[in-house]
Amino acid sequence: MRTLTESEHETGIGVTPETPTDTVLETGINAGVDTGIQTGAVPADLAAIDAQLAGMEPISLDELNAQARLMTRVDRKYFVPRELFLQLLTATEDDFKVLEIAGKHRFEYRTVYFDTPEFRFFRDHVQGRRQRFKVRTRTYVDSGTSHLEVKSKGYRGQTVKQRIAHPFDRPLELTGSGQNFVDSVLDTRTGASARPRYTAADLTPVLETVYDRVTLTHDHQRLTCDLDIEARNGRRSHGGPRDVLVETKSAGGVSIWDDLLQQAGIREHKVSKYCVGASLLNPELPANPWNRTIRRYFR
């Protein structure tokens, strides 16, 4: 196991609905990796975004990875209307490069989250526990690769991501080596606690998210831009928001896009795709930290 560069975490490629909808599914997370939405013609707004990206200066994955090793960053997330997103792409086209692989600029991501049947990891996040975990498989559809990731947050507030290669055709499973990997990370818990220690055997797939990602970079500034986000759990599916979820990453937390978004009146949001998706599809779960975000962007 090795610690990957942050750009490898963001892209994963090459490393070895117009409005929100809520639909009941007959197949879903337990039906395997081929349960995605069938797509037809590209919507006009997305086609305009694609055309703008095609006209920007490209950057390769190797160049992006080399650049990432130089950076320590602060992350900020924003919901950006597509019209404004296109305007900002145009306004910054001379400053930012776009990740390009085999002529493509948007890459499909599928992420399956594992939790206990009682959603213990989710509840730890809601309760703001200082030590918490997130276990997921992330599949990069365009490159045909998949990884098993464990994201942990420690008592001092630091976040660590670790991952290993995972079978592309088994995103809903924790294999033998995967279980050993998860257990090795979960077993690093420290401090006195009466709470039980969970193992990989306690976990089950509870949520899948699907979206397209665009990655932009300028000097020591990075943007990941997620479009057409959908959450599903095998019984229900919720699409939305129409807005682009933009995450800026920069030294000190001040970037060109941070300034432009603030000038446009776009506020930063604390949001987790897993927690929001789980809240939308499981109404019995507590969702206090995200209720305002859900009402505004996902209803």
C-alpha atoms as a PDB file:
ATOM      1  CA  MET A   1       0.000   0.000   0.000  1.00  0.00           C
ATOM      2  CA  ARG A   2       1.217   3.496  -0.812  1.00  0.00           C
ATOM      3  CA  THR A   3      -0.048   6.990  -0.117  1.00  0.00           C
ATOM      4  CA  LEU A   4      -1.204   8.553  -3.373  1.00  0.00           C
ATOM      5  CA  THR A   5      -0.871  12.137  -4.489  1.00  0.00           C
ATOM      6  CA  GLU A   6      -3.987  14.237  -4.029  1.00  0.00           C
ATOM      7  CA  SER A   7      -4.555  14.507  -7.769  1.00  0.00           C
ATOM      8  CA  GLU A   8      -4.609  10.726  -7.992  1.00  0.00           C
ATOM      9  CA  HIS A   9      -7.300  10.725  -5.336  1.00  0.00           C
ATOM     10  CA  GLU A  10      -9.236  13.353  -7.297  1.00  0.00           C
ATOM     11  CA  THR A  11      -8.939  11.789 -10.738  1.00  0.00           C
ATOM     12  CA  GLY A  12      -8.088   8.139 -10.228  1.00  0.00           C
ATOM     13  CA  ILE A  13      -7.690   7.820 -13.990  1.00  0.00           C
ATOM     14  CA  GLY A  14      -4.558   6.144 -15.253  1.00  0.00           C
ATOM     15  CA  VAL A  15      -3.379   5.204 -11.722  1.00  0.00           C
ATOM     16  CA  THR A  16      -2.930   1.268 -12.250  1.00  0.00           C
ATOM     17  CA  PRO A  17     -31.866  15.548 -15.161  1.00  0.00           C
ATOM     18  CA  GLU A  18     -32.389  19.151 -15.324  1.00  0.00           C
ATOM     19  CA  THR A  19     -34.136  19.282 -11.880  1.00  0.00           C
ATOM     20  CA  PRO A  20     -33.827  17.079  -8.802  1.00  0.00           C
ATOM     21  CA  THR A  21     -35.825  13.854  -9.056  1.00  0.00           C
ATOM     22  CA  ASP A  22     -36.718  11.075  -6.632  1.00  0.00           C
ATOM     23  CA  THR A  23     -37.531   7.768  -8.312  1.00  0.00           C
ATOM     24  CA  VAL A  24     -38.202   4.246  -7.091  1.00  0.00           C
ATOM     25  CA  LEU A  25     -35.827   1.746  -8.699  1.00  0.00           C
ATOM     26  CA  GLU A  26     -36.387  -1.873  -9.529  1.00  0.00           C
ATOM     27  CA  THR A  27     -32.635  -2.405  -9.786  1.00  0.00           C
ATOM     28  CA  GLY A  28     -29.858  -0.445  -8.173  1.00  0.00           C
ATOM     29  CA  ILE A  29     -26.912  -0.776  -5.866  1.00  0.00           C
ATOM     30  CA  ASN A  30     -27.280  -4.535  -5.420  1.00  0.00           C
ATOM     31  CA  ALA A  31     -27.629  -5.146  -9.142  1.00  0.00           C
ATOM     32  CA  GLY A  32     -23.993  -4.399  -9.941  1.00  0.00           C
ATOM     33  CA  VAL A  33     -21.974  -1.778 -11.722  1.00  0.00           C
ATOM     34  CA  ASP A  34     -24.080  -1.657 -14.884  1.00  0.00           C
ATOM     35  CA  THR A  35     -27.125   0.028 -13.320  1.00  0.00           C
ATOM     36  CA  GLY A  36     -26.379   3.523 -14.605  1.00  0.00           C
ATOM     37  CA  ILE A  37     -28.834   5.825 -16.302  1.00  0.00           C
ATOM     38  CA  GLN A  38     -29.111   5.421 -20.057  1.00  0.00           C
ATOM     39  CA  THR A  39     -28.129   8.690 -21.667  1.00  0.00           C
ATOM     40  CA  GLY A  40     -29.251  10.172 -24.974  1.00  0.00           C
ATOM     41  CA  ALA A  41     -28.391  13.481 -26.552  1.00  0.00           C
ATOM     42  CA  VAL A  42     -26.185  15.808 -24.510  1.00  0.00           C
ATOM     43  CA  PRO A  43     -28.280  18.690 -23.059  1.00  0.00           C
ATOM     44  CA  ALA A  44     -27.568  22.108 -24.536  1.00  0.00           C
ATOM     45  CA  ASP A  45     -26.065  23.543 -21.348  1.00  0.00           C
ATOM     46  CA  LEU A  46     -23.724  20.575 -20.940  1.00  0.00           C
ATOM     47  CA  ALA A  47     -22.769  20.727 -24.626  1.00  0.00           C
ATOM     48  CA  ALA A  48     -21.817  24.393 -24.137  1.00  0.00           C
ATOM     49  CA  ILE A  49     -19.649  23.467 -21.152  1.00  0.00           C
ATOM     50  CA  ASP A  50     -17.983  20.692 -23.177  1.00  0.00           C
ATOM     51  CA  ALA A  51     -17.282  23.111 -26.028  1.00  0.00           C
ATOM     52  CA  GLN A  52     -15.688  25.607 -23.645  1.00  0.00           C
ATOM     53  CA  LEU A  53     -13.519  22.910 -22.051  1.00  0.00           C
ATOM     54  CA  ALA A  54     -12.387  21.735 -25.490  1.00  0.00           C
ATOM     55  CA  GLY A  55     -11.060  25.204 -26.213  1.00  0.00           C
ATOM     56  CA  MET A  56      -8.981  25.459 -23.039  1.00  0.00           C
ATOM     57  CA  GLU A  57      -5.343  24.493 -22.704  1.00  0.00           C
ATOM     58  CA  PRO A  58      -5.084  20.843 -21.653  1.00  0.00           C
ATOM     59  CA  ILE A  59      -2.890  19.315 -18.971  1.00  0.00           C
ATOM     60  CA  SER A  60      -1.927  15.644 -18.768  1.00  0.00           C
ATOM     61  CA  LEU A  61      -2.380  13.439 -15.722  1.00  0.00           C
ATOM     62  CA  ASP A  62       1.390  13.131 -15.251  1.00  0.00           C
ATOM     63  CA  GLU A  63       1.739  16.921 -15.235  1.00  0.00           C
ATOM     64  CA  LEU A  64      -1.142  17.223 -12.795  1.00  0.00           C
ATOM     65  CA  ASN A  65       0.373  14.656 -10.444  1.00  0.00           C
ATOM     66  CA  ALA A  66       3.775  16.361 -10.489  1.00  0.00           C
ATOM     67  CA  GLN A  67       2.146  19.683  -9.681  1.00  0.00           C
ATOM     68  CA  ALA A  68       0.141  18.202  -6.802  1.00  0.00           C
ATOM     69  CA  ARG A  69       3.238  17.155  -4.867  1.00  0.00           C
ATOM     70  CA  LEU A  70       4.115  20.812  -4.350  1.00  0.00           C
ATOM     71  CA  MET A  71       0.870  21.842  -2.701  1.00  0.00           C
ATOM     72  CA  THR A  72      -0.703  22.099   0.725  1.00  0.00           C
ATOM     73  CA  ARG A  73      -4.294  23.228   0.280  1.00  0.00           C
ATOM     74  CA  VAL A  74      -7.473  24.440   1.914  1.00  0.00           C
ATOM     75  CA  ASP A  75     -10.678  23.070   0.350  1.00  0.00           C
ATOM     76  CA  ARG A  76     -13.936  24.996  -0.163  1.00  0.00           C
ATOM     77  CA  LYS A  77     -17.177  23.764  -1.775  1.00  0.00           C
ATOM     78  CA  TYR A  78     -19.786  25.739  -3.705  1.00  0.00           C
ATOM     79  CA  PHE A  79     -23.023  25.053  -5.585  1.00  0.00           C
ATOM     80  CA  VAL A  80     -22.666  26.998  -8.831  1.00  0.00           C
ATOM     81  CA  PRO A  81     -25.512  27.496 -11.351  1.00  0.00           C
ATOM     82  CA  ARG A  82     -24.514  26.072 -14.728  1.00  0.00           C
ATOM     83  CA  GLU A  83     -24.921  29.409 -16.484  1.00  0.00           C
ATOM     84  CA  LEU A  84     -22.530  31.072 -14.034  1.00  0.00           C
ATOM     85  CA  PHE A  85     -20.168  28.081 -14.197  1.00  0.00           C
ATOM     86  CA  LEU A  86     -19.899  28.507 -17.971  1.00  0.00           C
ATOM     87  CA  GLN A  87     -19.319  32.254 -17.579  1.00  0.00           C
ATOM     88  CA  LEU A  88     -16.499  31.660 -15.093  1.00  0.00           C
ATOM     89  CA  LEU A  89     -14.927  29.011 -17.329  1.00  0.00           C
ATOM     90  CA  THR A  90     -14.871  31.578 -20.127  1.00  0.00           C
ATOM     91  CA  ALA A  91     -13.562  34.360 -17.864  1.00  0.00           C
ATOM     92  CA  THR A  92     -10.672  32.205 -16.596  1.00  0.00           C
ATOM     93  CA  GLU A  93      -9.863  30.282 -19.790  1.00  0.00           C
ATOM     94  CA  ASP A  94      -6.471  31.996 -20.116  1.00  0.00           C
ATOM     95  CA  ASP A  95      -5.512  31.119 -16.539  1.00  0.00           C
ATOM     96  CA  PHE A  96      -6.690  27.541 -16.020  1.00  0.00           C
ATOM     97  CA  LYS A  97      -5.810  24.279 -17.746  1.00  0.00           C
ATOM     98  CA  VAL A  98      -8.207  21.344 -17.960  1.00  0.00           C
ATOM     99  CA  LEU A  99      -7.288  17.719 -17.363  1.00  0.00           C
ATOM    100  CA  GLU A 100      -7.457  15.890 -20.686  1.00  0.00           C
ATOM    101  CA  ILE A 101      -7.087  12.150 -21.229  1.00  0.00           C
ATOM    102  CA  ALA A 102      -7.629  10.602 -24.662  1.00  0.00           C
ATOM    103  CA  GLY A 103      -9.392  13.765 -25.799  1.00  0.00           C
ATOM    104  CA  LYS A 104     -11.909  13.706 -22.917  1.00  0.00           C
ATOM    105  CA  HIS A 105     -12.460  16.338 -20.207  1.00  0.00           C
ATOM    106  CA  ARG A 106     -15.400  14.862 -18.251  1.00  0.00           C
ATOM    107  CA  PHE A 107     -14.939  11.528 -16.503  1.00  0.00           C
ATOM    108  CA  GLU A 108     -17.614   9.336 -14.919  1.00  0.00           C
ATOM    109  CA  TYR A 109     -17.148   8.383 -11.281  1.00  0.00           C
ATOM    110  CA  ARG A 110     -19.142   5.759  -9.354  1.00  0.00           C
ATOM    111  CA  THR A 111     -18.674   5.521  -5.600  1.00  0.00           C
ATOM    112  CA  VAL A 112     -20.165   2.852  -3.321  1.00  0.00           C
ATOM    113  CA  TYR A 113     -20.190   3.683   0.399  1.00  0.00           C
ATOM    114  CA  PHE A 114     -20.069   1.004   3.089  1.00  0.00           C
ATOM    115  CA  ASP A 115     -21.524   1.448   6.562  1.00  0.00           C
ATOM    116  CA  THR A 116     -23.081  -0.650   9.296  1.00  0.00           C
ATOM    117  CA  PRO A 117     -26.811  -1.440   8.952  1.00  0.00           C
ATOM    118  CA  GLU A 118     -27.366   1.219  11.655  1.00  0.00           C
ATOM    119  CA  PHE A 119     -25.332   3.798   9.661  1.00  0.00           C
ATOM    120  CA  ARG A 120     -22.742   4.165  12.422  1.00  0.00           C
ATOM    121  CA  PHE A 121     -20.228   6.047  10.256  1.00  0.00           C
ATOM    122  CA  PHE A 122     -22.967   8.417   9.106  1.00  0.00           C
ATOM    123  CA  ARG A 123     -24.097   9.048  12.679  1.00  0.00           C
ATOM    124  CA  ASP A 124     -20.524   9.709  13.798  1.00  0.00           C
ATOM    125  CA  HIS A 125     -20.364  12.455  11.170  1.00  0.00           C
ATOM    126  CA  VAL A 126     -23.705  13.965  12.238  1.00  0.00           C
ATOM    127  CA  GLN A 127     -22.604  13.951  15.873  1.00  0.00           C
ATOM    128  CA  GLY A 128     -19.305  15.612  14.965  1.00  0.00           C
ATOM    129  CA  ARG A 129     -17.174  12.917  16.552  1.00  0.00           C
ATOM    130  CA  ARG A 130     -13.520  13.797  16.278  1.00  0.00           C
ATOM    131  CA  GLN A 131     -12.535  10.331  15.125  1.00  0.00           C
ATOM    132  CA  ARG A 132     -14.594   8.942  12.269  1.00  0.00           C
ATOM    133  CA  PHE A 133     -14.265   6.900   9.089  1.00  0.00           C
ATOM    134  CA  LYS A 134     -15.600   6.618   5.562  1.00  0.00           C
ATOM    135  CA  VAL A 135     -15.202   3.380   3.589  1.00  0.00           C
ATOM    136  CA  ARG A 136     -15.909   3.320  -0.152  1.00  0.00           C
ATOM    137  CA  THR A 137     -15.042   1.785  -3.480  1.00  0.00           C
ATOM    138  CA  ARG A 138     -14.491   4.334  -6.234  1.00  0.00           C
ATOM    139  CA  THR A 139     -14.798   3.232  -9.855  1.00  0.00           C
ATOM    140  CA  TYR A 140     -13.385   5.284 -12.716  1.00  0.00           C
ATOM    141  CA  VAL A 141     -15.622   4.124 -15.530  1.00  0.00           C
ATOM    142  CA  ASP A 142     -13.672   5.682 -18.404  1.00  0.00           C
ATOM    143  CA  SER A 143     -10.384   4.039 -17.453  1.00  0.00           C
ATOM    144  CA  GLY A 144     -11.824   0.741 -16.217  1.00  0.00           C
ATOM    145  CA  THR A 145     -10.133   0.979 -12.812  1.00  0.00           C
ATOM    146  CA  SER A 146     -11.408   0.831  -9.252  1.00  0.00           C
ATOM    147  CA  HIS A 147      -9.984   1.421  -5.781  1.00  0.00           C
ATOM    148  CA  LEU A 148     -11.024   0.719  -2.212  1.00  0.00           C
ATOM    149  CA  GLU A 149     -10.552   3.791  -0.042  1.00  0.00           C
ATOM    150  CA  VAL A 150     -10.695   4.460   3.690  1.00  0.00           C
ATOM    151  CA  LYS A 151     -10.897   8.066   4.757  1.00  0.00           C
ATOM    152  CA  SER A 152     -10.213   8.664   8.442  1.00  0.00           C
ATOM    153  CA  LYS A 153     -10.323  11.749  10.590  1.00  0.00           C
ATOM    154  CA  GLY A 154      -8.313  11.742  13.802  1.00  0.00           C
ATOM    155  CA  TYR A 155      -8.626  13.421  17.168  1.00  0.00           C
ATOM    156  CA  ARG A 156      -6.404  16.307  16.050  1.00  0.00           C
ATOM    157  CA  GLY A 157      -8.649  17.042  13.061  1.00  0.00           C
ATOM    158  CA  GLN A 158      -6.296  15.709  10.398  1.00  0.00           C
ATOM    159  CA  THR A 159      -7.815  13.780   7.491  1.00  0.00           C
ATOM    160  CA  VAL A 160      -5.979  10.836   5.938  1.00  0.00           C
ATOM    161  CA  LYS A 161      -6.983   8.957   2.781  1.00  0.00           C
ATOM    162  CA  GLN A 162      -5.578   5.508   2.074  1.00  0.00           C
ATOM    163  CA  ARG A 163      -6.470   3.153  -0.728  1.00  0.00           C
ATOM    164  CA  ILE A 164      -5.620   0.002  -2.614  1.00  0.00           C
ATOM    165  CA  ALA A 165      -6.540  -1.370  -6.033  1.00  0.00           C
ATOM    166  CA  HIS A 166      -9.918  -3.108  -6.166  1.00  0.00           C
ATOM    167  CA  PRO A 167     -11.527  -5.440  -8.753  1.00  0.00           C
ATOM    168  CA  PHE A 168     -13.370  -3.297 -11.301  1.00  0.00           C
ATOM    169  CA  ASP A 169     -16.281  -5.729 -11.535  1.00  0.00           C
ATOM    170  CA  ARG A 170     -16.828  -6.036  -7.755  1.00  0.00           C
ATOM    171  CA  PRO A 171     -17.586  -2.502  -6.509  1.00  0.00           C
ATOM    172  CA  LEU A 172     -20.262  -3.729  -4.098  1.00  0.00           C
ATOM    173  CA  GLU A 173     -17.985  -6.182  -2.286  1.00  0.00           C
ATOM    174  CA  LEU A 174     -15.168  -6.073   0.213  1.00  0.00           C
ATOM    175  CA  THR A 175     -12.872  -8.864  -0.985  1.00  0.00           C
ATOM    176  CA  GLY A 176     -10.522 -10.777   1.302  1.00  0.00           C
ATOM    177  CA  SER A 177      -7.630  -8.387   0.755  1.00  0.00           C
ATOM    178  CA  GLY A 178     -10.055  -5.483   0.954  1.00  0.00           C
ATOM    179  CA  GLN A 179     -11.371  -6.619   4.312  1.00  0.00           C
ATOM    180  CA  ASN A 180      -7.835  -6.947   5.645  1.00  0.00           C
ATOM    181  CA  PHE A 181      -7.041  -3.438   4.414  1.00  0.00           C
ATOM    182  CA  VAL A 182     -10.171  -1.929   5.980  1.00  0.00           C
ATOM    183  CA  ASP A 183      -9.535  -3.719   9.270  1.00  0.00           C
ATOM    184  CA  SER A 184      -5.940  -2.471   9.361  1.00  0.00           C
ATOM    185  CA  VAL A 185      -7.166   1.129   9.149  1.00  0.00           C
ATOM    186  CA  LEU A 186     -10.153   0.801  11.481  1.00  0.00           C
ATOM    187  CA  ASP A 187      -7.896  -0.847  14.057  1.00  0.00           C
ATOM    188  CA  THR A 188      -5.826   2.361  14.378  1.00  0.00           C
ATOM    189  CA  ARG A 189      -8.413   3.920  16.678  1.00  0.00           C
ATOM    190  CA  THR A 190      -6.803   5.349  19.781  1.00  0.00           C
ATOM    191  CA  GLY A 191      -8.010   6.719  23.055  1.00  0.00           C
ATOM    192  CA  ALA A 192     -10.326   5.335  25.698  1.00  0.00           C
ATOM    193  CA  SER A 193     -13.794   4.643  24.374  1.00  0.00           C
ATOM    194  CA  ALA A 194     -16.724   2.498  25.400  1.00  0.00           C
ATOM    195  CA  ARG A 195     -17.935   2.398  21.805  1.00  0.00           C
ATOM    196  CA  PRO A 196     -17.419  -0.900  19.956  1.00  0.00           C
ATOM    197  CA  ARG A 197     -14.748  -1.269  17.308  1.00  0.00           C
ATOM    198  CA  TYR A 198     -16.185  -2.131  13.927  1.00  0.00           C
ATOM    199  CA  THR A 199     -14.596  -4.440  11.391  1.00  0.00           C
ATOM    200  CA  ALA A 200     -15.068  -4.952   7.669  1.00  0.00           C
ATOM    201  CA  ALA A 201     -17.395  -7.858   8.436  1.00  0.00           C
ATOM    202  CA  ASP A 202     -19.830  -5.371  10.022  1.00  0.00           C
ATOM    203  CA  LEU A 203     -20.100  -3.264   6.857  1.00  0.00           C
ATOM    204  CA  THR A 204     -22.509  -3.452   3.954  1.00  0.00           C
ATOM    205  CA  PRO A 205     -22.981  -1.291   0.809  1.00  0.00           C
ATOM    206  CA  VAL A 206     -25.591   1.357   1.653  1.00  0.00           C
ATOM    207  CA  LEU A 207     -25.279   4.043  -1.033  1.00  0.00           C
ATOM    208  CA  GLU A 208     -23.895   4.634  -4.514  1.00  0.00           C
ATOM    209  CA  THR A 209     -23.230   8.047  -6.048  1.00  0.00           C
ATOM    210  CA  VAL A 210     -22.689   8.618  -9.766  1.00  0.00           C
ATOM    211  CA  TYR A 211     -21.457  11.841 -11.363  1.00  0.00           C
ATOM    212  CA  ASP A 212     -19.158  13.364 -13.970  1.00  0.00           C
ATOM    213  CA  ARG A 213     -16.021  15.226 -12.862  1.00  0.00           C
ATOM    214  CA  VAL A 214     -13.976  17.964 -14.531  1.00  0.00           C
ATOM    215  CA  THR A 215     -10.583  18.956 -13.074  1.00  0.00           C
ATOM    216  CA  LEU A 216      -9.048  22.402 -13.627  1.00  0.00           C
ATOM    217  CA  THR A 217      -5.681  23.721 -12.453  1.00  0.00           C
ATOM    218  CA  HIS A 218      -3.713  26.974 -12.309  1.00  0.00           C
ATOM    219  CA  ASP A 219      -0.324  27.172 -10.589  1.00  0.00           C
ATOM    220  CA  HIS A 220      -1.070  25.980  -7.024  1.00  0.00           C
ATOM    221  CA  GLN A 221      -4.837  26.198  -7.429  1.00  0.00           C
ATOM    222  CA  ARG A 222      -7.071  23.233  -8.224  1.00  0.00           C
ATOM    223  CA  LEU A 223     -10.775  22.832  -8.961  1.00  0.00           C
ATOM    224  CA  THR A 224     -12.867  19.697  -9.129  1.00  0.00           C
ATOM    225  CA  CYS A 225     -16.275  20.230 -10.697  1.00  0.00           C
ATOM    226  CA  ASP A 226     -18.966  17.551 -10.295  1.00  0.00           C
ATOM    227  CA  LEU A 227     -22.014  17.471 -12.572  1.00  0.00           C
ATOM    228  CA  ASP A 228     -25.212  15.410 -12.754  1.00  0.00           C
ATOM    229  CA  ILE A 229     -24.851  13.885  -9.290  1.00  0.00           C
ATOM    230  CA  GLU A 230     -27.180  10.984  -8.546  1.00  0.00           C
ATOM    231  CA  ALA A 231     -27.562   9.008  -5.307  1.00  0.00           C
ATOM    232  CA  ARG A 232     -29.081   5.490  -5.271  1.00  0.00           C
ATOM    233  CA  ASN A 233     -29.469   2.671  -2.782  1.00  0.00           C
ATOM    234  CA  GLY A 234     -31.184  -0.124  -4.710  1.00  0.00           C
ATOM    235  CA  ARG A 235     -34.678   0.977  -3.728  1.00  0.00           C
ATOM    236  CA  ARG A 236     -34.691   4.646  -4.555  1.00  0.00           C
ATOM    237  CA  SER A 237     -32.708   7.132  -6.617  1.00  0.00           C
ATOM    238  CA  HIS A 238     -32.426  10.892  -6.196  1.00  0.00           C
ATOM    239  CA  GLY A 239     -30.935  13.121  -8.893  1.00  0.00           C
ATOM    240  CA  GLY A 240     -29.704  16.623  -8.282  1.00  0.00           C
ATOM    241  CA  PRO A 241     -28.768  19.320  -7.944  1.00  0.00           C
ATOM    242  CA  ARG A 242     -28.696  20.895 -11.387  1.00  0.00           C
ATOM    243  CA  ASP A 243     -25.920  23.168 -10.081  1.00  0.00           C
ATOM    244  CA  VAL A 244     -22.270  22.192 -10.440  1.00  0.00           C
ATOM    245  CA  LEU A 245     -20.614  21.207  -7.153  1.00  0.00           C
ATOM    246  CA  VAL A 246     -17.297  23.043  -7.356  1.00  0.00           C
ATOM    247  CA  GLU A 247     -14.513  22.353  -4.857  1.00  0.00           C
ATOM    248  CA  THR A 248     -11.601  24.778  -4.816  1.00  0.00           C
ATOM    249  CA  LYS A 249      -8.237  23.723  -3.436  1.00  0.00           C
ATOM    250  CA  SER A 250      -5.608  26.365  -2.818  1.00  0.00           C
ATOM    251  CA  ALA A 251      -2.867  27.389  -0.423  1.00  0.00           C
ATOM    252  CA  GLY A 252      -4.520  29.531   2.228  1.00  0.00           C
ATOM    253  CA  GLY A 253      -8.018  28.968   0.867  1.00  0.00           C
ATOM    254  CA  VAL A 254      -7.975  31.972  -1.464  1.00  0.00           C
ATOM    255  CA  SER A 255      -8.051  31.283  -5.192  1.00  0.00           C
ATOM    256  CA  ILE A 256      -9.183  33.027  -8.361  1.00  0.00           C
ATOM    257  CA  TRP A 257     -12.467  31.117  -8.340  1.00  0.00           C
ATOM    258  CA  ASP A 258     -13.033  31.752  -4.618  1.00  0.00           C
ATOM    259  CA  ASP A 259     -12.835  35.476  -5.285  1.00  0.00           C
ATOM    260  CA  LEU A 260     -15.060  35.323  -8.384  1.00  0.00           C
ATOM    261  CA  LEU A 261     -17.688  33.176  -6.673  1.00  0.00           C
ATOM    262  CA  GLN A 262     -17.816  35.469  -3.664  1.00  0.00           C
ATOM    263  CA  GLN A 263     -18.216  38.476  -5.988  1.00  0.00           C
ATOM    264  CA  ALA A 264     -21.126  36.653  -7.634  1.00  0.00           C
ATOM    265  CA  GLY A 265     -22.777  36.084  -4.249  1.00  0.00           C
ATOM    266  CA  ILE A 266     -22.128  32.328  -4.115  1.00  0.00           C
ATOM    267  CA  ARG A 267     -21.554  31.121  -0.555  1.00  0.00           C
ATOM    268  CA  GLU A 268     -19.334  28.276   0.596  1.00  0.00           C
ATOM    269  CA  HIS A 269     -21.131  25.119   1.792  1.00  0.00           C
ATOM    270  CA  LYS A 270     -20.059  22.299   4.070  1.00  0.00           C
ATOM    271  CA  VAL A 271     -21.395  19.269   2.262  1.00  0.00           C
ATOM    272  CA  SER A 272     -20.709  15.528   2.044  1.00  0.00           C
ATOM    273  CA  LYS A 273     -22.077  13.586  -0.938  1.00  0.00           C
ATOM    274  CA  TYR A 274     -22.406  10.512   1.260  1.00  0.00           C
ATOM    275  CA  CYS A 275     -24.234  12.183   4.114  1.00  0.00           C
ATOM    276  CA  VAL A 276     -26.571  14.190   1.875  1.00  0.00           C
ATOM    277  CA  GLY A 277     -27.306  11.158  -0.304  1.00  0.00           C
ATOM    278  CA  ALA A 278     -27.945   8.920   2.701  1.00  0.00           C
ATOM    279  CA  SER A 279     -30.261  11.545   4.211  1.00  0.00           C
ATOM    280  CA  LEU A 280     -32.242  11.903   0.983  1.00  0.00           C
ATOM    281  CA  LEU A 281     -32.785   8.176   0.532  1.00  0.00           C
ATOM    282  CA  ASN A 282     -33.253   7.299   4.220  1.00  0.00           C
ATOM    283  CA  PRO A 283     -35.627   9.886   5.730  1.00  0.00           C
ATOM    284  CA  GLU A 284     -35.399   8.225   9.141  1.00  0.00           C
ATOM    285  CA  LEU A 285     -31.766   9.318   9.486  1.00  0.00           C
ATOM    286  CA  PRO A 286     -30.932  12.590  11.273  1.00  0.00           C
ATOM    287  CA  ALA A 287     -29.936  15.262   8.757  1.00  0.00           C
ATOM    288  CA  ASN A 288     -29.730  18.447  10.809  1.00  0.00           C
ATOM    289  CA  PRO A 289     -26.335  19.612   9.485  1.00  0.00           C
ATOM    290  CA  TRP A 290     -27.547  19.423   5.866  1.00  0.00           C
ATOM    291  CA  ASN A 291     -31.262  20.272   6.059  1.00  0.00           C
ATOM    292  CA  ARG A 292     -30.836  23.769   4.674  1.00  0.00           C
ATOM    293  CA  THR A 293     -28.594  22.540   1.832  1.00  0.00           C
ATOM    294  CA  ILE A 294     -31.027  19.708   1.012  1.00  0.00           C
ATOM    295  CA  ARG A 295     -34.051  22.022   0.931  1.00  0.00           C
ATOM    296  CA  ARG A 296     -32.318  24.564  -1.300  1.00  0.00           C
ATOM    297  CA  TYR A 297     -30.468  22.349  -3.775  1.00  0.00           C
ATOM    298  CA  PHE A 298     -31.974  18.851  -3.692  1.00  0.00           C
ATOM    299  CA  ARG A 299     -35.741  19.349  -3.356  1.00  0.00           C
END
